Structures are given as structure tokens and as C-alpha cells.
């Protein structure tokens, strides 16, 4: 797993100490920032997942067309020649 996903214990310890040293307003602001970043990440994940689902649906539709024997445009061009 990349280091960005698994912070080193010293980094975690330092971050915890920073949070403990904050007053209530600073901590509230930090939590707001954290939740906004989390919402942004969640939105990016949802958007990407939506795009992936659309692509899978398109591929399934193509497979259904192939299985049902509907000719492709290339096949139709060869037939009309």
C-alpha cells in the first residue's frame, strides 16, 4: 500500500499533538475543512462510479445487440454494396 494511505507513526503522532493543542475555534475550523474535503472526495468517487456504470451499461447493450443478431453498421454497409 502506498505511503500516502499509511502515514508513518511519527506523522500521526505529530498530527494528533497539533489537534490537541488547538483551541475550540481552530479545532472546529479544522473539522469543517476536513468534512469539506471529505465531501469533495465523495463527490469525485460518485461521479467516477456513475461514469463507470454508464460504460458498463453501454457494453452490456452492445453485447445484447450482438447476441440478438442485429447487424452492425459495418455489416449493413457490406450488404448494401
C-alpha atoms as a PDB file:
ATOM      1  CA  UNK A   1       0.000   0.000   0.000  1.00  0.00           C
ATOM      2  CA  UNK A   2       1.408   3.461  -0.872  1.00  0.00           C
ATOM      3  CA  UNK A   3       2.746   5.649   1.913  1.00  0.00           C
ATOM      4  CA  UNK A   4       0.024   8.239   1.265  1.00  0.00           C
ATOM      5  CA  UNK A   5      -2.539   5.747   2.562  1.00  0.00           C
ATOM      6  CA  UNK A   6      -0.494   4.617   5.546  1.00  0.00           C
ATOM      7  CA  UNK A   7       1.081   7.611   7.293  1.00  0.00           C
ATOM      8  CA  UNK A   8       4.109   6.936   9.404  1.00  0.00           C
ATOM      9  CA  UNK A   9       3.516   6.777  13.150  1.00  0.00           C
ATOM     10  CA  UNK A  10       5.598   9.916  13.724  1.00  0.00           C
ATOM     11  CA  UNK A  11       3.381  11.843  11.287  1.00  0.00           C
ATOM     12  CA  UNK A  12       0.253  10.598  13.022  1.00  0.00           C
ATOM     13  CA  UNK A  13       1.659  11.444  16.438  1.00  0.00           C
ATOM     14  CA  UNK A  14       2.579  14.953  15.280  1.00  0.00           C
ATOM     15  CA  UNK A  15      -0.893  15.489  13.787  1.00  0.00           C
ATOM     16  CA  UNK A  16      -2.608  14.324  16.978  1.00  0.00           C
ATOM     17  CA  UNK A  17      -0.464  16.699  19.025  1.00  0.00           C
ATOM     18  CA  UNK A  18      -1.388  19.564  16.684  1.00  0.00           C
ATOM     19  CA  UNK A  19      -5.082  18.797  17.095  1.00  0.00           C
ATOM     20  CA  UNK A  20      -4.783  18.568  20.871  1.00  0.00           C
ATOM     21  CA  UNK A  21      -3.040  21.948  21.005  1.00  0.00           C
ATOM     22  CA  UNK A  22      -5.840  23.717  19.083  1.00  0.00           C
ATOM     23  CA  UNK A  23      -8.458  25.802  20.821  1.00  0.00           C
ATOM     24  CA  UNK A  24     -12.148  25.117  20.170  1.00  0.00           C
ATOM     25  CA  UNK A  25     -12.456  27.542  17.246  1.00  0.00           C
ATOM     26  CA  UNK A  26      -9.356  26.224  15.499  1.00  0.00           C
ATOM     27  CA  UNK A  27     -10.493  22.654  16.004  1.00  0.00           C
ATOM     28  CA  UNK A  28     -13.981  23.452  14.675  1.00  0.00           C
ATOM     29  CA  UNK A  29     -12.458  25.132  11.611  1.00  0.00           C
ATOM     30  CA  UNK A  30     -10.174  22.134  11.052  1.00  0.00           C
ATOM     31  CA  UNK A  31     -13.122  19.743  11.301  1.00  0.00           C
ATOM     32  CA  UNK A  32     -15.129  21.870   8.830  1.00  0.00           C
ATOM     33  CA  UNK A  33     -12.191  21.773   6.410  1.00  0.00           C
ATOM     34  CA  UNK A  34     -11.882  18.009   6.867  1.00  0.00           C
ATOM     35  CA  UNK A  35     -15.589  17.454   6.166  1.00  0.00           C
ATOM     36  CA  UNK A  36     -15.491  19.692   3.071  1.00  0.00           C
ATOM     37  CA  UNK A  37     -12.521  17.743   1.708  1.00  0.00           C
ATOM     38  CA  UNK A  38     -14.310  14.511   2.517  1.00  0.00           C
ATOM     39  CA  UNK A  39     -17.428  15.707   0.666  1.00  0.00           C
ATOM     40  CA  UNK A  40     -15.311  16.643  -2.360  1.00  0.00           C
ATOM     41  CA  UNK A  41     -13.679  13.203  -2.410  1.00  0.00           C
ATOM     42  CA  UNK A  42     -17.066  11.535  -2.026  1.00  0.00           C
ATOM     43  CA  UNK A  43     -18.467  13.547  -4.951  1.00  0.00           C
ATOM     44  CA  UNK A  44     -15.497  12.616  -7.165  1.00  0.00           C
ATOM     45  CA  UNK A  45     -15.963   8.950  -6.291  1.00  0.00           C
ATOM     46  CA  UNK A  46     -19.702   9.123  -7.032  1.00  0.00           C
ATOM     47  CA  UNK A  47     -19.086  10.867 -10.362  1.00  0.00           C
ATOM     48  CA  UNK A  48     -16.474   8.316 -11.401  1.00  0.00           C
ATOM     49  CA  UNK A  49     -18.685   5.431 -10.321  1.00  0.00           C
ATOM     50  CA  UNK A  50     -21.573   6.886 -12.312  1.00  0.00           C
ATOM     51  CA  UNK A  51     -19.403   7.111 -15.427  1.00  0.00           C
ATOM     52  CA  UNK A  52     -18.234   3.532 -14.940  1.00  0.00           C
ATOM     53  CA  UNK A  53     -21.815   2.290 -14.572  1.00  0.00           C
ATOM     54  CA  UNK A  54     -22.831   4.090 -17.780  1.00  0.00           C
ATOM     55  CA  UNK A  55     -19.941   2.470 -19.651  1.00  0.00           C
ATOM     56  CA  UNK A  56     -20.860  -0.986 -18.315  1.00  0.00           C
ATOM     57  CA  UNK A  57     -24.491  -0.418 -19.359  1.00  0.00           C
ATOM     58  CA  UNK A  58     -23.313   0.610 -22.844  1.00  0.00           C
ATOM     59  CA  UNK A  59     -21.156  -2.513 -23.128  1.00  0.00           C
ATOM     60  CA  UNK A  60     -23.996  -4.749 -21.951  1.00  0.00           C
ATOM     61  CA  UNK A  61     -26.259  -3.148 -24.544  1.00  0.00           C
ATOM     62  CA  UNK A  62     -23.643  -3.832 -27.247  1.00  0.00           C
ATOM     63  CA  UNK A  63     -23.396  -7.452 -26.149  1.00  0.00           C
ATOM     64  CA  UNK A  64     -27.192  -7.803 -26.191  1.00  0.00           C
ATOM     65  CA  UNK A  65     -27.267  -6.389 -29.732  1.00  0.00           C
ATOM     66  CA  UNK A  66     -24.577  -8.821 -30.840  1.00  0.00           C
ATOM     67  CA  UNK A  67     -26.369 -11.795 -29.274  1.00  0.00           C
ATOM     68  CA  UNK A  68     -29.705 -10.848 -30.817  1.00  0.00           C
ATOM     69  CA  UNK A  69     -28.105 -10.795 -34.252  1.00  0.00           C
ATOM     70  CA  UNK A  70     -28.755  -7.167 -35.069  1.00  0.00           C
ATOM     71  CA  UNK A  71     -26.283  -6.200 -37.767  1.00  0.00           C
ATOM     72  CA  UNK A  72     -23.667  -3.573 -37.050  1.00  0.00           C
ATOM     73  CA  UNK A  73     -23.296  -0.505 -39.311  1.00  0.00           C
ATOM     74  CA  UNK A  74     -20.244  -2.076 -40.962  1.00  0.00           C
ATOM     75  CA  UNK A  75     -22.273  -5.185 -41.766  1.00  0.00           C
ATOM     76  CA  UNK A  76     -25.075  -3.063 -43.237  1.00  0.00           C
ATOM     77  CA  UNK A  77     -22.610  -1.238 -45.486  1.00  0.00           C
ATOM     78  CA  UNK A  78     -21.343  -4.545 -46.865  1.00  0.00           C
ATOM     79  CA  UNK A  79     -24.900  -5.752 -47.510  1.00  0.00           C
ATOM     80  CA  UNK A  80     -25.927  -2.620 -49.446  1.00  0.00           C
ATOM     81  CA  UNK A  81     -22.878  -2.788 -51.777  1.00  0.00           C
END
